[in-house]
C-alpha atoms as a PDB file:
ATOM      1  CA  UNK A   1      -2.930 -19.465 -15.047  1.00  0.00           C
ATOM      2  CA  UNK A   2       1.124 -18.974 -13.538  1.00  0.00           C
ATOM      3  CA  UNK A   3       1.129 -17.348 -10.298  1.00  0.00           C
ATOM      4  CA  UNK A   4       3.099 -13.770 -10.710  1.00  0.00           C
ATOM      5  CA  UNK A   5       6.474 -12.500  -9.183  1.00  0.00           C
ATOM      6  CA  UNK A   6       4.504  -9.867  -7.111  1.00  0.00           C
ATOM      7  CA  UNK A   7       6.671  -6.967  -5.421  1.00  0.00           C
ATOM      8  CA  UNK A   8       5.340  -4.355  -3.010  1.00  0.00           C
ATOM      9  CA  UNK A   9       5.285  -0.864  -3.273  1.00  0.00           C
ATOM     10  CA  UNK A  10       4.557   1.489  -0.343  1.00  0.00           C
ATOM     11  CA  UNK A  11       3.775   4.898  -0.363  1.00  0.00           C
ATOM     12  CA  UNK A  12       5.204   6.892   2.377  1.00  0.00           C
ATOM     13  CA  UNK A  13       6.298  10.059   0.988  1.00  0.00           C
ATOM     14  CA  UNK A  14       3.172  12.493   1.901  1.00  0.00           C
ATOM     15  CA  UNK A  15       3.396  15.560   3.706  1.00  0.00           C
ATOM     16  CA  UNK A  16       0.505  14.752   6.500  1.00  0.00           C
ATOM     17  CA  UNK A  17      -0.128  18.399   6.790  1.00  0.00           C
ATOM     18  CA  UNK A  18      -3.647  17.348   8.825  1.00  0.00           C
ATOM     19  CA  UNK A  19      -1.157  15.182  10.993  1.00  0.00           C
ATOM     20  CA  UNK A  20       1.191  18.084  11.697  1.00  0.00           C
ATOM     21  CA  UNK A  21       3.947  15.772   9.859  1.00  0.00           C
ATOM     22  CA  UNK A  22       6.068  13.121  10.970  1.00  0.00           C
ATOM     23  CA  UNK A  23       3.143  10.576  10.044  1.00  0.00           C
ATOM     24  CA  UNK A  24       5.240   7.958   9.058  1.00  0.00           C
ATOM     25  CA  UNK A  25       7.715   7.672  12.430  1.00  0.00           C
ATOM     26  CA  UNK A  26       4.737   8.149  14.955  1.00  0.00           C
ATOM     27  CA  UNK A  27       4.611   5.527  17.160  1.00  0.00           C
ATOM     28  CA  UNK A  28       1.492   2.889  17.397  1.00  0.00           C
ATOM     29  CA  UNK A  29       2.491  -0.289  20.056  1.00  0.00           C
ATOM     30  CA  UNK A  30       6.131   1.097  20.501  1.00  0.00           C
ATOM     31  CA  UNK A  31       6.772   1.428  16.647  1.00  0.00           C
ATOM     32  CA  UNK A  32       6.597   3.590  13.794  1.00  0.00           C
ATOM     33  CA  UNK A  33       3.507   3.043  12.117  1.00  0.00           C
ATOM     34  CA  UNK A  34       5.853   2.473   8.750  1.00  0.00           C
ATOM     35  CA  UNK A  35       7.128  -0.469  10.291  1.00  0.00           C
ATOM     36  CA  UNK A  36       3.793  -1.904  11.199  1.00  0.00           C
ATOM     37  CA  UNK A  37       2.955  -1.663   7.091  1.00  0.00           C
ATOM     38  CA  UNK A  38       6.314  -3.181   6.463  1.00  0.00           C
ATOM     39  CA  UNK A  39       5.953  -6.208   8.520  1.00  0.00           C
ATOM     40  CA  UNK A  40       2.628  -7.419   6.730  1.00  0.00           C
ATOM     41  CA  UNK A  41       4.310  -6.678   3.227  1.00  0.00           C
ATOM     42  CA  UNK A  42       7.079  -9.213   4.319  1.00  0.00           C
ATOM     43  CA  UNK A  43       4.990 -11.434   6.096  1.00  0.00           C
ATOM     44  CA  UNK A  44       3.128 -12.047   3.097  1.00  0.00           C
ATOM     45  CA  UNK A  45       6.286 -12.964   1.266  1.00  0.00           C
ATOM     46  CA  UNK A  46       6.577 -10.217  -1.054  1.00  0.00           C
ATOM     47  CA  UNK A  47       9.315 -11.040  -4.092  1.00  0.00           C
ATOM     48  CA  UNK A  48      10.994  -7.335  -3.106  1.00  0.00           C
ATOM     49  CA  UNK A  49       9.827  -4.015  -1.491  1.00  0.00           C
ATOM     50  CA  UNK A  50      10.199  -0.829  -2.388  1.00  0.00           C
ATOM     51  CA  UNK A  51       9.283   2.400  -0.075  1.00  0.00           C
ATOM     52  CA  UNK A  52       9.449   5.746  -1.823  1.00  0.00           C
ATOM     53  CA  UNK A  53       9.564   8.455   1.216  1.00  0.00           C
ATOM     54  CA  UNK A  54       9.640  12.204   0.942  1.00  0.00           C
ATOM     55  CA  UNK A  55      10.962  15.487   2.322  1.00  0.00           C
ATOM     56  CA  UNK A  56      11.147  13.644   4.995  1.00  0.00           C
ATOM     57  CA  UNK A  57      13.714  10.393   4.054  1.00  0.00           C
ATOM     58  CA  UNK A  58      16.379  11.250   6.200  1.00  0.00           C
ATOM     59  CA  UNK A  59      14.778  11.071   8.991  1.00  0.00           C
ATOM     60  CA  UNK A  60      12.429   8.331   7.914  1.00  0.00           C
ATOM     61  CA  UNK A  61      15.957   6.380   6.901  1.00  0.00           C
ATOM     62  CA  UNK A  62      17.890   7.041  10.148  1.00  0.00           C
ATOM     63  CA  UNK A  63      14.326   6.138  12.684  1.00  0.00           C
ATOM     64  CA  UNK A  64      13.095   2.702  10.860  1.00  0.00           C
ATOM     65  CA  UNK A  65      14.436  -0.739  11.107  1.00  0.00           C
ATOM     66  CA  UNK A  66      14.904  -1.861   7.979  1.00  0.00           C
ATOM     67  CA  UNK A  67      14.909  -5.317   6.396  1.00  0.00           C
ATOM     68  CA  UNK A  68      16.155  -4.998   2.791  1.00  0.00           C
ATOM     69  CA  UNK A  69      13.614  -3.503   1.656  1.00  0.00           C
ATOM     70  CA  UNK A  70      14.576  -0.991  -1.138  1.00  0.00           C
ATOM     71  CA  UNK A  71      14.292   3.363  -0.071  1.00  0.00           C
ATOM     72  CA  UNK A  72      13.655   5.714  -3.425  1.00  0.00           C
ATOM     73  CA  UNK A  73      12.527   9.526  -3.008  1.00  0.00           C
ATOM     74  CA  UNK A  74       9.947  11.429  -4.254  1.00  0.00           C
ATOM     75  CA  UNK A  75      12.057  14.850  -5.330  1.00  0.00           C
ATOM     76  CA  UNK A  76       8.245  16.460  -5.209  1.00  0.00           C
ATOM     77  CA  UNK A  77       5.953  14.374  -2.568  1.00  0.00           C
ATOM     78  CA  UNK A  78       4.056  17.863  -2.551  1.00  0.00           C
ATOM     79  CA  UNK A  79       2.506  16.825  -6.498  1.00  0.00           C
ATOM     80  CA  UNK A  80       0.722  13.616  -4.226  1.00  0.00           C
ATOM     81  CA  UNK A  81       0.417  10.626  -4.188  1.00  0.00           C
ATOM     82  CA  UNK A  82       0.165   9.912  -7.763  1.00  0.00           C
ATOM     83  CA  UNK A  83       3.465  11.176  -8.189  1.00  0.00           C
ATOM     84  CA  UNK A  84       4.877   8.139  -5.560  1.00  0.00           C
ATOM     85  CA  UNK A  85       2.807   5.378  -7.237  1.00  0.00           C
ATOM     86  CA  UNK A  86       4.835   6.326 -10.585  1.00  0.00           C
ATOM     87  CA  UNK A  87       8.057   6.697  -8.868  1.00  0.00           C
ATOM     88  CA  UNK A  88       7.522   3.609  -6.896  1.00  0.00           C
ATOM     89  CA  UNK A  89       6.270   1.530  -9.704  1.00  0.00           C
ATOM     90  CA  UNK A  90       9.216   2.464 -11.971  1.00  0.00           C
ATOM     91  CA  UNK A  91      11.347   1.508  -9.160  1.00  0.00           C
ATOM     92  CA  UNK A  92      10.598  -2.541  -9.546  1.00  0.00           C
ATOM     93  CA  UNK A  93      12.570  -4.771 -10.556  1.00  0.00           C
ATOM     94  CA  UNK A  94      12.054  -5.761 -14.130  1.00  0.00           C
ATOM     95  CA  UNK A  95      11.234  -9.732 -13.213  1.00  0.00           C
ATOM     96  CA  UNK A  96       8.029  -8.680 -11.383  1.00  0.00           C
ATOM     97  CA  UNK A  97       4.704  -9.790 -13.110  1.00  0.00           C
ATOM     98  CA  UNK A  98       2.397  -7.405 -10.572  1.00  0.00           C
ATOM     99  CA  UNK A  99       2.999  -4.711  -7.469  1.00  0.00           C
ATOM    100  CA  UNK A 100       0.852  -4.528  -4.237  1.00  0.00           C
ATOM    101  CA  UNK A 101       1.004  -1.079  -3.850  1.00  0.00           C
ATOM    102  CA  UNK A 102      -0.148  -0.485   0.177  1.00  0.00           C
ATOM    103  CA  UNK A 103       0.346   3.281   1.806  1.00  0.00           C
ATOM    104  CA  UNK A 104       2.241   3.760   4.556  1.00  0.00           C
ATOM    105  CA  UNK A 105      -0.158   4.906   6.646  1.00  0.00           C
ATOM    106  CA  UNK A 106      -2.354   2.018   6.940  1.00  0.00           C
ATOM    107  CA  UNK A 107      -0.336   0.569  10.121  1.00  0.00           C
ATOM    108  CA  UNK A 108      -3.524  -2.417  10.516  1.00  0.00           C
ATOM    109  CA  UNK A 109      -3.023  -3.365   7.262  1.00  0.00           C
ATOM    110  CA  UNK A 110      -2.726  -7.497   6.923  1.00  0.00           C
ATOM    111  CA  UNK A 111      -0.370  -9.760   5.182  1.00  0.00           C
ATOM    112  CA  UNK A 112      -2.993 -12.095   5.062  1.00  0.00           C
ATOM    113  CA  UNK A 113      -4.682  -9.651   2.682  1.00  0.00           C
ATOM    114  CA  UNK A 114      -1.981  -9.285   0.561  1.00  0.00           C
ATOM    115  CA  UNK A 115      -2.057 -12.517  -0.025  1.00  0.00           C
ATOM    116  CA  UNK A 116      -5.558 -12.791  -0.576  1.00  0.00           C
ATOM    117  CA  UNK A 117      -5.220 -10.599  -3.490  1.00  0.00           C
ATOM    118  CA  UNK A 118      -2.207 -12.394  -4.810  1.00  0.00           C
ATOM    119  CA  UNK A 119      -3.859 -15.702  -4.591  1.00  0.00           C
ATOM    120  CA  UNK A 120      -6.666 -14.595  -6.311  1.00  0.00           C
ATOM    121  CA  UNK A 121      -4.507 -12.371  -9.034  1.00  0.00           C
ATOM    122  CA  UNK A 122      -3.432 -16.462  -9.519  1.00  0.00           C
ATOM    123  CA  UNK A 123      -6.426 -17.297 -10.677  1.00  0.00           C
ATOM    124  CA  UNK A 124      -7.975 -14.118 -12.620  1.00  0.00           C
ATOM    125  CA  UNK A 125      -7.198 -12.314 -16.128  1.00  0.00           C
ATOM    126  CA  UNK A 126      -8.200  -9.185 -14.270  1.00  0.00           C
ATOM    127  CA  UNK A 127      -5.202  -6.125 -14.039  1.00  0.00           C
ATOM    128  CA  UNK A 128      -6.313  -5.003 -11.141  1.00  0.00           C
ATOM    129  CA  UNK A 129      -7.366  -6.728  -7.366  1.00  0.00           C
ATOM    130  CA  UNK A 130      -8.569  -4.826  -5.036  1.00  0.00           C
ATOM    131  CA  UNK A 131      -9.903  -5.788  -1.500  1.00  0.00           C
ATOM    132  CA  UNK A 132     -13.543  -5.414  -0.508  1.00  0.00           C
ATOM    133  CA  UNK A 133     -13.742  -4.861   3.175  1.00  0.00           C
ATOM    134  CA  UNK A 134     -16.985  -5.751   5.187  1.00  0.00           C
ATOM    135  CA  UNK A 135     -16.498  -2.099   7.229  1.00  0.00           C
ATOM    136  CA  UNK A 136     -16.045  -0.377   3.682  1.00  0.00           C
ATOM    137  CA  UNK A 137     -13.011   0.964   3.939  1.00  0.00           C
ATOM    138  CA  UNK A 138     -11.324   1.465   1.049  1.00  0.00           C
ATOM    139  CA  UNK A 139      -9.969  -0.521  -1.382  1.00  0.00           C
ATOM    140  CA  UNK A 140      -6.235  -0.510  -0.699  1.00  0.00           C
ATOM    141  CA  UNK A 141      -3.597  -2.490  -0.983  1.00  0.00           C
ATOM    142  CA  UNK A 142      -4.309  -2.738  -4.421  1.00  0.00           C
ATOM    143  CA  UNK A 143      -2.460  -5.230  -6.619  1.00  0.00           C
ATOM    144  CA  UNK A 144      -1.656  -4.212 -10.266  1.00  0.00           C
ATOM    145  CA  UNK A 145      -0.160  -6.474 -13.053  1.00  0.00           C
ATOM    146  CA  UNK A 146       2.219  -4.831 -14.805  1.00  0.00           C
ATOM    147  CA  UNK A 147       0.221  -4.637 -18.632  1.00  0.00           C
ATOM    148  CA  UNK A 148      -1.995  -1.614 -16.204  1.00  0.00           C
ATOM    149  CA  UNK A 149       1.139   0.176 -14.347  1.00  0.00           C
ATOM    150  CA  UNK A 150       0.646   2.795 -17.358  1.00  0.00           C
ATOM    151  CA  UNK A 151      -2.831   3.735 -15.992  1.00  0.00           C
ATOM    152  CA  UNK A 152      -0.383   5.136 -13.442  1.00  0.00           C
ATOM    153  CA  UNK A 153       0.481   7.908 -15.798  1.00  0.00           C
ATOM    154  CA  UNK A 154      -2.886   9.386 -16.169  1.00  0.00           C
ATOM    155  CA  UNK A 155      -3.195   9.612 -12.186  1.00  0.00           C
ATOM    156  CA  UNK A 156      -3.522  12.899 -10.605  1.00  0.00           C
ATOM    157  CA  UNK A 157      -3.420  14.465  -7.220  1.00  0.00           C
ATOM    158  CA  UNK A 158      -3.869  12.568  -3.826  1.00  0.00           C
ATOM    159  CA  UNK A 159      -5.931   9.826  -5.267  1.00  0.00           C
ATOM    160  CA  UNK A 160      -3.223   7.131  -6.690  1.00  0.00           C
ATOM    161  CA  UNK A 161      -5.171   4.692  -8.782  1.00  0.00           C
ATOM    162  CA  UNK A 162      -8.744   5.284  -7.081  1.00  0.00           C
ATOM    163  CA  UNK A 163     -10.248   7.208  -9.943  1.00  0.00           C
ATOM    164  CA  UNK A 164      -9.440   3.968 -12.209  1.00  0.00           C
ATOM    165  CA  UNK A 165     -10.658   1.906 -10.222  1.00  0.00           C
ATOM    166  CA  UNK A 166     -14.192   3.566  -9.680  1.00  0.00           C
ATOM    167  CA  UNK A 167     -13.928   4.436 -12.985  1.00  0.00           C
ATOM    168  CA  UNK A 168     -13.326   1.185 -14.886  1.00  0.00           C
ATOM    169  CA  UNK A 169     -15.000  -1.741 -13.167  1.00  0.00           C
ATOM    170  CA  UNK A 170     -14.550  -4.056 -16.121  1.00  0.00           C
ATOM    171  CA  UNK A 171     -10.537  -4.315 -14.978  1.00  0.00           C
ATOM    172  CA  UNK A 172     -11.007  -4.397 -11.586  1.00  0.00           C
ATOM    173  CA  UNK A 173     -11.534  -7.812  -9.601  1.00  0.00           C
ATOM    174  CA  UNK A 174     -12.462  -7.808  -5.675  1.00  0.00           C
ATOM    175  CA  UNK A 175     -11.688 -10.090  -2.768  1.00  0.00           C
ATOM    176  CA  UNK A 176     -14.521  -9.518  -0.504  1.00  0.00           C
ATOM    177  CA  UNK A 177     -12.531  -9.926   3.460  1.00  0.00           C
ATOM    178  CA  UNK A 178     -14.249  -9.491   6.674  1.00  0.00           C
ATOM    179  CA  UNK A 179     -12.861  -6.555   8.844  1.00  0.00           C
ATOM    180  CA  UNK A 180     -11.344  -3.013   7.430  1.00  0.00           C
ATOM    181  CA  UNK A 181      -7.693  -0.794   6.559  1.00  0.00           C
ATOM    182  CA  UNK A 182      -8.489   2.413   8.194  1.00  0.00           C
ATOM    183  CA  UNK A 183      -6.269   4.948   7.510  1.00  0.00           C
ATOM    184  CA  UNK A 184      -4.467   6.983   9.627  1.00  0.00           C
ATOM    185  CA  UNK A 185      -4.856  10.932   8.669  1.00  0.00           C
ATOM    186  CA  UNK A 186      -4.560  12.361  11.788  1.00  0.00           C
ATOM    187  CA  UNK A 187      -3.155  12.363  15.372  1.00  0.00           C
ATOM    188  CA  UNK A 188      -6.840  11.687  17.005  1.00  0.00           C
ATOM    189  CA  UNK A 189      -7.246   8.517  13.908  1.00  0.00           C
ATOM    190  CA  UNK A 190      -4.181   7.553  15.440  1.00  0.00           C
ATOM    191  CA  UNK A 191      -4.980   7.302  19.169  1.00  0.00           C
ATOM    192  CA  UNK A 192      -8.023   4.981  17.921  1.00  0.00           C
ATOM    193  CA  UNK A 193      -6.027   2.387  16.671  1.00  0.00           C
ATOM    194  CA  UNK A 194      -4.042   1.837  19.791  1.00  0.00           C
ATOM    195  CA  UNK A 195      -4.862  -1.681  21.323  1.00  0.00           C
ATOM    196  CA  UNK A 196      -6.687  -2.273  17.590  1.00  0.00           C
ATOM    197  CA  UNK A 197      -6.624  -5.628  16.451  1.00  0.00           C
ATOM    198  CA  UNK A 198      -5.880  -6.339  12.897  1.00  0.00           C
ATOM    199  CA  UNK A 199      -9.055  -8.091  13.135  1.00  0.00           C
ATOM    200  CA  UNK A 200      -9.876 -11.350  11.178  1.00  0.00           C
ATOM    201  CA  UNK A 201      -9.977 -11.912   7.381  1.00  0.00           C
ATOM    202  CA  UNK A 202     -12.552 -14.249   5.665  1.00  0.00           C
ATOM    203  CA  UNK A 203     -11.673 -16.664   3.006  1.00  0.00           C
ATOM    204  CA  UNK A 204     -12.369 -14.814   0.207  1.00  0.00           C
ATOM    205  CA  UNK A 205     -15.399 -15.125  -1.952  1.00  0.00           C
END
């Protein structure tokens, strides 16, 4: 099977009400949360990276150190993460076979996890590939082949493809991995990540 050409879609348009606003620019180890996610996407060697921003786009544009990522704006971020997912996928270049969807509030995401998903997609005929972390963290990031992008049209609210992944296991390839990938929903969550290493990734099972 031919290895897919894989783009990255980073969802960073959320209103961050539980955090008190400004979440993707909150500092972790002296840099904005979003930059840590972009680091992983770049290190993983994704073909292109699309970042979906929301109402805070002007501030994010000014603060983040960009390295070639393409930015698009969700005009209605209050519609939830699913709306950003649709915008992000629609903005990916026509030559991409798949996209890895990353969340802008998961700064400990690892390039090795992204590469593990891409490697598994190269030998699997299932359209969605997700990690299954040892600590029970949610299945993010998720690799979605272009043939499955239409599933995003039915997604609603802030869960994105989560319900589809749960309801259609026959579409999903899981890659067992060590460690986890925590969300930052509150300022307490962010404080808990200070000094925490990204962890060691197990060989895919």
